[in-house]
Amino acid sequence: MTIHVVQKGDTINSIADQYGVSVDRLILENGINDPDILVVGEALVILYPEITYTIREGDTLDGIADRYGISIFQLLRNNPYLSDREYIYPGETIVISYEGNKIRAIATNGYAFPYININVLRKTLPFLTYLSVYSYRVSAEGEINDINDTEIIRVAKEYGVAPVMMLLALSKSVEEEFNVIHSILSNQEIQERFFNNLLRILQTKGYIGVSIDTPYILPMDRSLYEEFVITLADRISKEGFKVFNTISIRIFQLLTGTIFMGLDLSELSKAVDGITLISYEFGYSEGIPPGTASMDTFRRFFEYSARVIPPEKINVGIPVIGYVWKYPYIPNVSQGMAISYDSAIKIAIENNAEIQYDEITNAAYFQYISGNDEYIVRFWDARSIDNFLKLISEFGLNGISIWNIMSWFPQMWLVINSQYDIEKVL
């Protein structure tokens, strides 16, 4: 795998010639919408096919996979555009394998809302081990709302992906969230109602387990929470389901070292099947804007986490959402607008901007002026993903969780697929 950063004067043809790859393949694999317009500083992923196959009359994807001794999902990972197509056509050339050895197998988890575009979902599922459906919410009385998730569960299983029920506290504010958590933790009757409701959903919907999101826990509730998770894991696992713990981390928690909020994760990790540490970088107005934590901060965070939690139980979040921030940044006032990778590239094209790369924070960025206002856009590209994945190998972590998969991000999957095999548990 090679990551090419577009330079002034580059064209899609000159890049393809430089690396000896097909122009069509380069466009297709990187999801380039307009090959005549490349952004200076844009990162493109170059993969080198090792074995290719030209489709013949009567071929099927299953038959081709069997012929080469690979799984259908591996074939789809190497040719993701086939996932949302009904037919394959004689004369088409597909990739059986790429050059280079894989480092190892990892578990991958993607978060999605039930209303995800079905074509995006089908292209993404071959790359996933788990699909976390966002989200169910529990009330202070232990009741759990219902969501329309039948189709997303069905399609996930069709691709051998294990669907996980994502569960959060039902709240409209931080204070209300505290009240919901405290109510459940401090009342055995409510806990029992919650356990029964949770099991009913798991048994009827077809989930393989649940992931509970751990918000900030008040000091007086921390020991109760630890007991609650241990009890929950015991009850649920006896019924044949898995229990995962998702810990949401904010930028200021990374920088100040208050990551685990006084919780004893060494004990919690013994009870659950896995712990996901993910930075939900929404457009917060308070504190430090997203995309400003350094890679050294993440490295120290992973190093510490791997001492507290068995590395084979740790999944870490990849933040694929970019942000547009208006200058000047004013704490407690400014709000970042979340955007996808494609949107970031589109904004750069519209404003004739050149993309820069900040090696300290591992983020791509550019600035532009619209009217009388100045903006900065920060997002992750192929370089960011590649550097982040190196930490997974360095600390022997179980895998990654991607927030979120609602948009197709081809460069990310190219980088992941070039280095890792994807575990399947179904």
Protein backbone atom coordinates (compact mmCIF):
# COMPACT_ATOMS: atom_id res chain seq x y z
CA MET A 1 0.00 0.00 0.00
CA THR A 2 1.14 3.51 -0.83
CA ILE A 3 -0.50 6.77 0.20
CA HIS A 4 -0.07 9.43 -2.45
CA VAL A 5 -0.56 13.08 -1.49
CA VAL A 6 -1.78 15.05 -4.51
CA GLN A 7 0.70 17.71 -5.65
CA LYS A 8 0.20 20.71 -7.91
CA GLY A 9 0.08 19.54 -11.53
CA ASP A 10 -1.00 15.98 -10.64
CA THR A 11 -3.76 14.39 -12.68
CA ILE A 12 -5.47 11.07 -12.16
CA ASN A 13 -3.63 9.75 -15.23
CA SER A 14 -0.21 10.94 -14.07
CA ILE A 15 -0.74 9.39 -10.63
CA ALA A 16 -1.83 6.07 -12.15
CA ASP A 17 1.20 6.12 -14.48
CA GLN A 18 3.54 6.94 -11.59
CA TYR A 19 2.50 3.83 -9.67
CA GLY A 20 1.72 1.56 -12.59
CA VAL A 21 -1.93 1.03 -11.70
CA SER A 22 -5.15 1.26 -13.66
CA VAL A 23 -6.78 4.68 -13.86
CA ASP A 24 -10.24 3.13 -13.58
CA ARG A 25 -9.21 1.11 -10.54
CA LEU A 26 -7.66 4.15 -8.86
CA ILE A 27 -10.87 6.14 -9.35
CA LEU A 28 -13.10 3.26 -8.29
CA GLU A 29 -11.14 2.27 -5.18
CA ASN A 30 -10.78 5.83 -3.86
CA GLY A 31 -14.37 6.79 -4.62
CA ILE A 32 -13.30 9.84 -6.64
CA ASN A 33 -16.43 11.66 -7.75
CA ASP A 34 -14.80 13.86 -10.40
CA PRO A 35 -11.41 12.57 -11.62
CA ASP A 36 -10.81 15.85 -13.44
CA ILE A 37 -10.74 17.76 -10.14
CA LEU A 38 -8.20 16.67 -7.53
CA VAL A 39 -7.45 18.69 -4.40
CA VAL A 40 -3.83 19.58 -3.69
CA GLY A 41 -3.00 17.77 -0.44
CA GLU A 42 -5.70 15.12 -0.88
CA ALA A 43 -4.54 11.64 0.18
CA LEU A 44 -5.18 8.77 -2.26
CA VAL A 45 -4.53 5.11 -1.46
CA ILE A 46 -2.65 3.03 -4.03
CA LEU A 47 -3.02 -0.75 -3.83
CA TYR A 48 -1.27 -3.24 -6.09
CA PRO A 49 -3.34 -6.21 -7.29
CA GLU A 50 -1.53 -9.53 -6.95
CA ILE A 51 -4.15 -11.82 -8.50
CA THR A 52 -7.00 -10.63 -10.71
CA TYR A 53 -9.78 -12.48 -12.49
CA THR A 54 -11.78 -11.57 -15.58
CA ILE A 55 -15.40 -12.58 -15.20
CA ARG A 56 -16.81 -15.09 -17.70
CA GLU A 57 -20.34 -15.98 -18.73
CA GLY A 58 -22.02 -18.02 -15.99
CA ASP A 59 -19.66 -16.94 -13.18
CA THR A 60 -20.96 -16.14 -9.71
CA LEU A 61 -19.14 -14.45 -6.86
CA ASP A 62 -19.55 -17.55 -4.70
CA GLY A 63 -18.07 -19.70 -7.45
CA ILE A 64 -15.11 -17.36 -7.95
CA ALA A 65 -14.43 -17.24 -4.21
CA ASP A 66 -14.52 -21.03 -4.01
CA ARG A 67 -12.19 -21.34 -6.99
CA TYR A 68 -9.53 -19.26 -5.23
CA GLY A 69 -10.13 -20.57 -1.73
CA ILE A 70 -11.23 -17.26 -0.22
CA SER A 71 -14.41 -16.16 1.50
CA ILE A 72 -17.09 -14.22 -0.31
CA PHE A 73 -16.52 -11.43 2.22
CA GLN A 74 -12.84 -11.23 1.34
CA LEU A 75 -13.80 -10.95 -2.31
CA LEU A 76 -16.21 -8.13 -1.49
CA ARG A 77 -13.59 -6.34 0.61
CA ASN A 78 -11.29 -6.34 -2.40
CA ASN A 79 -14.11 -5.19 -4.69
CA PRO A 80 -16.56 -3.27 -2.45
CA TYR A 81 -18.48 -1.78 -5.38
CA LEU A 82 -19.85 -5.29 -6.03
CA SER A 83 -21.76 -5.29 -2.72
CA ASP A 84 -24.50 -2.95 -3.89
CA ARG A 85 -24.86 -4.49 -7.34
CA GLU A 86 -27.25 -7.23 -8.34
CA TYR A 87 -25.20 -8.55 -11.27
CA ILE A 88 -21.62 -9.13 -12.39
CA TYR A 89 -20.77 -8.84 -16.06
CA PRO A 90 -18.52 -10.87 -18.37
CA GLY A 91 -15.34 -8.98 -19.20
CA GLU A 92 -15.12 -7.22 -15.83
CA THR A 93 -11.83 -7.65 -13.99
CA ILE A 94 -11.98 -8.07 -10.22
CA VAL A 95 -9.23 -8.33 -7.62
CA ILE A 96 -8.72 -11.67 -5.89
CA SER A 97 -5.85 -10.48 -3.71
CA TYR A 98 -3.48 -7.56 -3.29
CA GLU A 99 0.26 -7.58 -2.82
CA GLY A 100 1.58 -7.50 0.74
CA ASN A 101 1.13 -9.61 3.85
CA LYS A 102 -1.51 -8.88 6.46
CA ILE A 103 -0.29 -8.03 9.96
CA ARG A 104 -2.94 -10.08 11.75
CA ALA A 105 -6.69 -10.36 12.20
CA ILE A 106 -8.61 -7.71 14.13
CA ALA A 107 -12.19 -7.22 15.22
CA THR A 108 -13.98 -4.27 13.65
CA ASN A 109 -17.13 -2.62 14.91
CA GLY A 110 -19.17 0.05 13.17
CA TYR A 111 -21.89 2.24 14.66
CA ALA A 112 -24.96 2.91 12.53
CA PHE A 113 -28.47 4.26 12.87
CA PRO A 114 -31.26 2.03 11.51
CA TYR A 115 -31.96 4.50 8.70
CA ILE A 116 -28.51 4.08 7.12
CA ASN A 117 -28.53 4.03 3.31
CA ILE A 118 -28.80 0.36 2.33
CA ASN A 119 -26.11 0.64 -0.36
CA VAL A 120 -23.65 2.19 2.10
CA LEU A 121 -24.50 -0.56 4.59
CA ARG A 122 -23.96 -3.37 2.10
CA LYS A 123 -20.58 -1.99 0.98
CA THR A 124 -19.46 -1.63 4.59
CA LEU A 125 -20.62 -4.91 6.13
CA PRO A 126 -17.91 -7.15 4.58
CA PHE A 127 -15.39 -5.08 6.56
CA LEU A 128 -17.14 -5.55 9.91
CA THR A 129 -17.11 -8.07 12.72
CA TYR A 130 -19.82 -6.31 14.72
CA LEU A 131 -22.51 -3.76 13.88
CA SER A 132 -23.64 -1.63 16.84
CA VAL A 133 -27.14 -0.31 16.17
CA TYR A 134 -27.59 3.15 17.64
CA SER A 135 -29.52 3.21 19.90
CA TYR A 136 -31.92 1.97 22.52
CA ARG A 137 -32.47 4.15 25.58
CA VAL A 138 -33.41 3.17 29.13
CA SER A 139 -35.55 5.37 31.37
CA ALA A 140 -35.27 6.03 35.09
CA GLU A 141 -37.99 3.38 35.60
CA GLY A 142 -36.02 0.68 33.75
CA GLU A 143 -38.18 0.81 30.63
CA ILE A 144 -36.47 0.53 27.24
CA ASN A 145 -37.84 2.15 24.09
CA ASP A 146 -38.26 0.24 20.83
CA ILE A 147 -36.63 1.15 17.51
CA ASN A 148 -37.24 0.01 13.95
CA ASP A 149 -34.15 -2.19 13.55
CA THR A 150 -35.51 -5.38 11.95
CA GLU A 151 -34.05 -4.71 8.50
CA ILE A 152 -30.59 -3.59 9.63
CA ILE A 153 -30.26 -6.71 11.81
CA ARG A 154 -31.36 -8.97 8.96
CA VAL A 155 -28.91 -7.46 6.46
CA ALA A 156 -26.04 -7.56 8.98
CA LYS A 157 -26.50 -11.28 9.52
CA GLU A 158 -26.72 -11.81 5.76
CA TYR A 159 -23.10 -10.59 5.63
CA GLY A 160 -21.93 -12.60 8.62
CA VAL A 161 -21.83 -9.53 10.88
CA ALA A 162 -22.91 -9.81 14.51
CA PRO A 163 -25.49 -7.13 15.44
CA VAL A 164 -25.04 -5.51 18.85
CA MET A 165 -27.74 -3.59 20.68
CA MET A 166 -26.44 -0.16 21.75
CA LEU A 167 -27.98 1.08 25.00
CA LEU A 168 -27.85 4.61 26.45
CA ALA A 169 -29.62 6.50 29.22
CA LEU A 170 -32.79 8.30 28.14
CA SER A 171 -32.08 11.98 28.82
CA LYS A 172 -32.19 15.49 27.41
CA SER A 173 -29.47 16.91 29.63
CA VAL A 174 -26.45 15.86 31.68
CA GLU A 175 -28.41 16.35 34.88
CA GLU A 176 -31.23 14.11 33.66
CA GLU A 177 -28.69 11.49 32.63
CA PHE A 178 -27.28 11.48 36.16
CA ASN A 179 -30.79 10.99 37.53
CA VAL A 180 -31.56 8.07 35.18
CA ILE A 181 -28.31 6.30 36.04
CA HIS A 182 -28.74 6.88 39.77
CA SER A 183 -32.34 5.65 39.70
CA ILE A 184 -31.36 2.35 38.07
CA LEU A 185 -28.28 1.79 40.20
CA SER A 186 -29.95 2.49 43.53
CA ASN A 187 -33.22 0.56 43.14
CA GLN A 188 -33.25 -3.24 42.91
CA GLU A 189 -36.83 -3.37 41.64
CA ILE A 190 -36.00 -1.02 38.75
CA GLN A 191 -32.85 -3.02 38.01
CA GLU A 192 -34.84 -6.23 37.79
CA ARG A 193 -37.34 -4.60 35.44
CA PHE A 194 -34.47 -3.35 33.32
CA PHE A 195 -32.81 -6.78 33.14
CA ASN A 196 -36.07 -8.42 32.07
CA ASN A 197 -36.77 -5.78 29.42
CA LEU A 198 -33.24 -6.08 28.07
CA LEU A 199 -33.40 -9.86 27.81
CA ARG A 200 -36.76 -9.68 26.06
CA ILE A 201 -35.33 -7.40 23.35
CA LEU A 202 -32.20 -9.51 22.90
CA GLN A 203 -34.24 -12.69 22.58
CA THR A 204 -36.83 -11.30 20.18
CA LYS A 205 -34.76 -8.98 17.94
CA GLY A 206 -31.85 -11.28 17.14
CA TYR A 207 -28.97 -9.34 18.67
CA ILE A 208 -25.90 -11.29 19.82
CA GLY A 209 -25.45 -8.98 22.79
CA VAL A 210 -25.59 -5.48 24.19
CA SER A 211 -23.14 -2.64 24.54
CA ILE A 212 -23.90 -0.26 27.39
CA ASP A 213 -22.61 3.27 27.11
CA THR A 214 -20.91 4.51 30.26
CA PRO A 215 -21.40 8.25 30.70
CA TYR A 216 -19.85 10.23 33.52
CA ILE A 217 -20.77 8.46 36.75
CA LEU A 218 -21.22 10.51 39.89
CA PRO A 219 -18.68 9.62 42.61
CA MET A 220 -21.41 8.36 44.94
CA ASP A 221 -22.62 5.93 42.23
CA ARG A 222 -19.30 4.47 41.05
CA SER A 223 -19.17 1.41 43.27
CA LEU A 224 -22.86 0.77 42.54
CA TYR A 225 -22.16 1.01 38.82
CA GLU A 226 -19.33 -1.51 39.02
CA GLU A 227 -21.60 -3.94 40.88
CA PHE A 228 -24.37 -3.30 38.35
CA VAL A 229 -22.18 -4.09 35.32
CA ILE A 230 -20.86 -7.28 36.93
CA THR A 231 -24.40 -8.41 37.76
CA LEU A 232 -25.66 -7.48 34.28
CA ALA A 233 -22.86 -9.41 32.58
CA ASP A 234 -23.56 -12.47 34.70
CA ARG A 235 -27.32 -12.41 34.00
CA ILE A 236 -26.98 -11.77 30.28
CA SER A 237 -24.14 -14.19 29.60
CA LYS A 238 -26.06 -17.03 31.25
CA GLU A 239 -28.71 -16.53 28.58
CA GLY A 240 -26.08 -16.84 25.84
CA PHE A 241 -25.55 -13.16 25.05
CA LYS A 242 -22.43 -11.01 25.11
CA VAL A 243 -21.98 -7.82 27.11
CA PHE A 244 -19.74 -4.98 25.98
CA ASN A 245 -18.94 -1.73 27.74
CA THR A 246 -18.54 1.45 25.68
CA ILE A 247 -16.75 4.31 27.39
CA SER A 248 -17.23 7.69 25.75
CA ILE A 249 -14.17 9.90 26.01
CA ARG A 250 -14.03 13.63 25.48
CA ILE A 251 -10.94 15.55 24.37
CA PHE A 252 -10.47 17.18 27.76
CA GLN A 253 -10.53 13.77 29.45
CA LEU A 254 -7.67 12.62 27.23
CA LEU A 255 -5.63 15.72 27.91
CA THR A 256 -6.23 15.85 31.67
CA GLY A 257 -5.92 12.12 32.32
CA THR A 258 -9.43 11.84 33.82
CA ILE A 259 -10.31 9.13 31.33
CA PHE A 260 -11.87 6.45 33.48
CA MET A 261 -13.58 8.73 36.01
CA GLY A 262 -12.48 6.72 39.03
CA LEU A 263 -13.98 3.44 37.78
CA ASP A 264 -12.12 0.20 38.43
CA LEU A 265 -11.92 -1.03 34.86
CA SER A 266 -9.59 -3.86 35.78
CA GLU A 267 -12.54 -5.46 37.59
CA LEU A 268 -15.16 -4.46 35.03
CA SER A 269 -13.08 -5.90 32.19
CA LYS A 270 -13.15 -9.32 33.86
CA ALA A 271 -16.95 -9.37 33.70
CA VAL A 272 -17.58 -8.09 30.17
CA ASP A 273 -16.63 -9.49 26.77
CA GLY A 274 -14.97 -6.32 25.60
CA ILE A 275 -14.49 -2.62 26.30
CA THR A 276 -14.66 0.05 23.61
CA LEU A 277 -12.88 3.33 24.25
CA ILE A 278 -14.24 5.86 21.81
CA SER A 279 -13.96 9.62 21.50
CA TYR A 280 -17.34 11.04 20.58
CA GLU A 281 -16.19 14.32 19.03
CA PHE A 282 -19.48 16.08 18.49
CA GLY A 283 -19.74 19.85 18.04
CA TYR A 284 -19.28 20.71 21.68
CA SER A 285 -19.09 24.39 22.56
CA GLU A 286 -17.22 23.98 25.81
CA GLY A 287 -13.59 23.02 26.28
CA ILE A 288 -11.10 22.26 23.52
CA PRO A 289 -12.38 21.78 19.96
CA PRO A 290 -12.26 18.26 18.50
CA GLY A 291 -9.27 17.15 16.46
CA THR A 292 -6.69 18.79 18.71
CA ALA A 293 -5.46 15.84 20.78
CA SER A 294 -1.96 14.80 19.74
CA MET A 295 -0.93 11.31 18.69
CA ASP A 296 1.40 11.27 21.70
CA THR A 297 -1.67 11.79 23.89
CA PHE A 298 -3.41 8.85 22.23
CA ARG A 299 -0.27 6.72 22.59
CA ARG A 300 -0.06 7.43 26.33
CA PHE A 301 -3.77 6.73 26.61
CA PHE A 302 -3.46 3.34 24.88
CA GLU A 303 -0.38 2.45 26.88
CA TYR A 304 -2.18 3.17 30.14
CA SER A 305 -5.39 1.43 29.03
CA ALA A 306 -3.47 -1.73 28.07
CA ARG A 307 -2.06 -1.88 31.61
CA VAL A 308 -5.50 -1.55 33.21
CA ILE A 309 -7.54 -3.66 30.76
CA PRO A 310 -6.38 -6.84 28.98
CA PRO A 311 -5.37 -5.60 25.49
CA GLU A 312 -7.29 -8.44 23.84
CA LYS A 313 -10.49 -6.93 25.27
CA ILE A 314 -9.88 -3.37 24.06
CA ASN A 315 -11.41 -1.84 20.95
CA VAL A 316 -10.55 1.80 20.28
CA GLY A 317 -12.61 4.28 18.37
CA ILE A 318 -11.71 5.76 15.01
CA PRO A 319 -13.32 9.23 14.70
CA VAL A 320 -14.21 9.59 11.02
CA ILE A 321 -16.37 12.69 11.46
CA GLY A 322 -14.74 15.96 10.44
CA TYR A 323 -15.62 19.45 11.65
CA VAL A 324 -15.97 22.95 10.29
CA TRP A 325 -15.11 25.63 12.85
CA LYS A 326 -15.62 29.36 12.46
CA TYR A 327 -12.84 31.70 13.57
CA PRO A 328 -12.28 32.86 16.19
CA TYR A 329 -12.92 29.83 18.40
CA ILE A 330 -14.75 31.03 21.49
CA PRO A 331 -15.04 28.51 24.37
CA ASN A 332 -18.62 27.92 25.55
CA VAL A 333 -19.93 29.68 22.44
CA SER A 334 -18.46 28.14 19.26
CA GLN A 335 -20.12 25.08 17.77
CA GLY A 336 -18.45 22.78 15.24
CA MET A 337 -20.45 21.50 12.28
CA ALA A 338 -19.93 17.78 11.70
CA ILE A 339 -19.10 16.69 8.15
CA SER A 340 -18.07 13.52 6.31
CA TYR A 341 -14.79 13.00 4.48
CA ASP A 342 -16.52 13.52 1.12
CA SER A 343 -18.00 16.79 2.38
CA ALA A 344 -14.57 18.01 3.47
CA ILE A 345 -13.16 17.31 -0.01
CA LYS A 346 -16.16 19.03 -1.60
CA ILE A 347 -15.67 22.16 0.54
CA ALA A 348 -11.98 22.22 -0.38
CA ILE A 349 -12.86 22.02 -4.09
CA GLU A 350 -15.51 24.73 -3.85
CA ASN A 351 -13.09 27.10 -2.10
CA ASN A 352 -9.95 26.19 -4.07
CA ALA A 353 -8.25 25.24 -0.79
CA GLU A 354 -5.07 23.23 -0.35
CA ILE A 355 -5.21 20.48 2.26
CA GLN A 356 -2.46 20.47 4.88
CA TYR A 357 -1.56 17.70 7.30
CA ASP A 358 -0.78 18.21 10.99
CA GLU A 359 1.53 15.41 12.09
CA ILE A 360 1.12 16.31 15.77
CA THR A 361 -2.66 15.87 15.87
CA ASN A 362 -2.76 13.40 12.95
CA ALA A 363 -5.41 15.48 11.20
CA ALA A 364 -5.84 16.89 7.71
CA TYR A 365 -7.01 20.50 7.62
CA PHE A 366 -7.52 23.59 5.49
CA GLN A 367 -8.81 27.11 5.91
CA TYR A 368 -11.13 29.14 3.71
CA ILE A 369 -13.00 32.43 3.66
CA SER A 370 -16.70 32.76 2.90
CA GLY A 371 -18.07 36.29 2.83
CA ASN A 372 -16.60 38.08 5.82
CA ASP A 373 -16.02 34.92 7.83
CA GLU A 374 -13.01 32.61 8.06
CA TYR A 375 -13.30 28.88 8.71
CA ILE A 376 -11.07 25.91 9.44
CA VAL A 377 -11.92 22.35 8.47
CA ARG A 378 -10.28 19.44 10.32
CA PHE A 379 -10.81 15.79 9.40
CA TRP A 380 -9.08 12.42 9.18
CA ASP A 381 -7.79 11.09 5.88
CA ALA A 382 -5.89 7.95 4.81
CA ARG A 383 -2.72 9.17 6.55
CA SER A 384 -4.63 9.63 9.80
CA ILE A 385 -6.14 6.15 9.63
CA ASP A 386 -2.78 4.57 8.79
CA ASN A 387 -0.98 6.23 11.70
CA PHE A 388 -3.77 5.40 14.13
CA LEU A 389 -3.78 1.73 13.11
CA LYS A 390 -0.08 1.49 13.96
CA LEU A 391 -1.04 2.01 17.61
CA ILE A 392 -3.40 -0.97 17.46
CA SER A 393 -0.49 -3.23 16.52
CA GLU A 394 1.95 -1.51 18.88
CA PHE A 395 -0.16 -2.26 21.95
CA GLY A 396 -1.72 -5.53 20.77
CA LEU A 397 -5.30 -4.27 21.02
CA ASN A 398 -8.27 -6.34 19.90
CA GLY A 399 -9.54 -4.01 17.22
CA ILE A 400 -11.33 -0.82 16.25
CA SER A 401 -14.75 0.78 16.50
CA ILE A 402 -15.78 3.32 13.90
CA TRP A 403 -17.99 6.27 14.73
CA ASN A 404 -19.78 6.14 12.44
CA ILE A 405 -20.42 4.23 9.18
CA MET A 406 -23.32 6.31 7.90
CA SER A 407 -21.16 7.60 5.04
CA TRP A 408 -18.96 5.49 2.78
CA PHE A 409 -15.26 6.26 3.44
CA PRO A 410 -13.36 4.19 0.84
CA GLN A 411 -9.84 5.32 1.76
CA MET A 412 -10.29 4.15 5.34
CA TRP A 413 -11.36 0.68 4.25
CA LEU A 414 -8.52 0.48 1.72
CA VAL A 415 -5.99 1.16 4.48
CA ILE A 416 -7.61 -1.31 6.89
CA ASN A 417 -8.04 -4.04 4.26
CA SER A 418 -4.43 -3.72 3.08
CA GLN A 419 -3.07 -4.46 6.56
CA TYR A 420 -5.55 -6.60 8.45
CA ASP A 421 -7.83 -9.58 8.06
CA ILE A 422 -11.31 -9.08 9.53
CA GLU A 423 -12.56 -11.48 12.17
CA LYS A 424 -16.03 -12.95 11.74
CA VAL A 425 -17.90 -14.37 14.73
CA LEU A 426 -21.11 -15.51 13.01
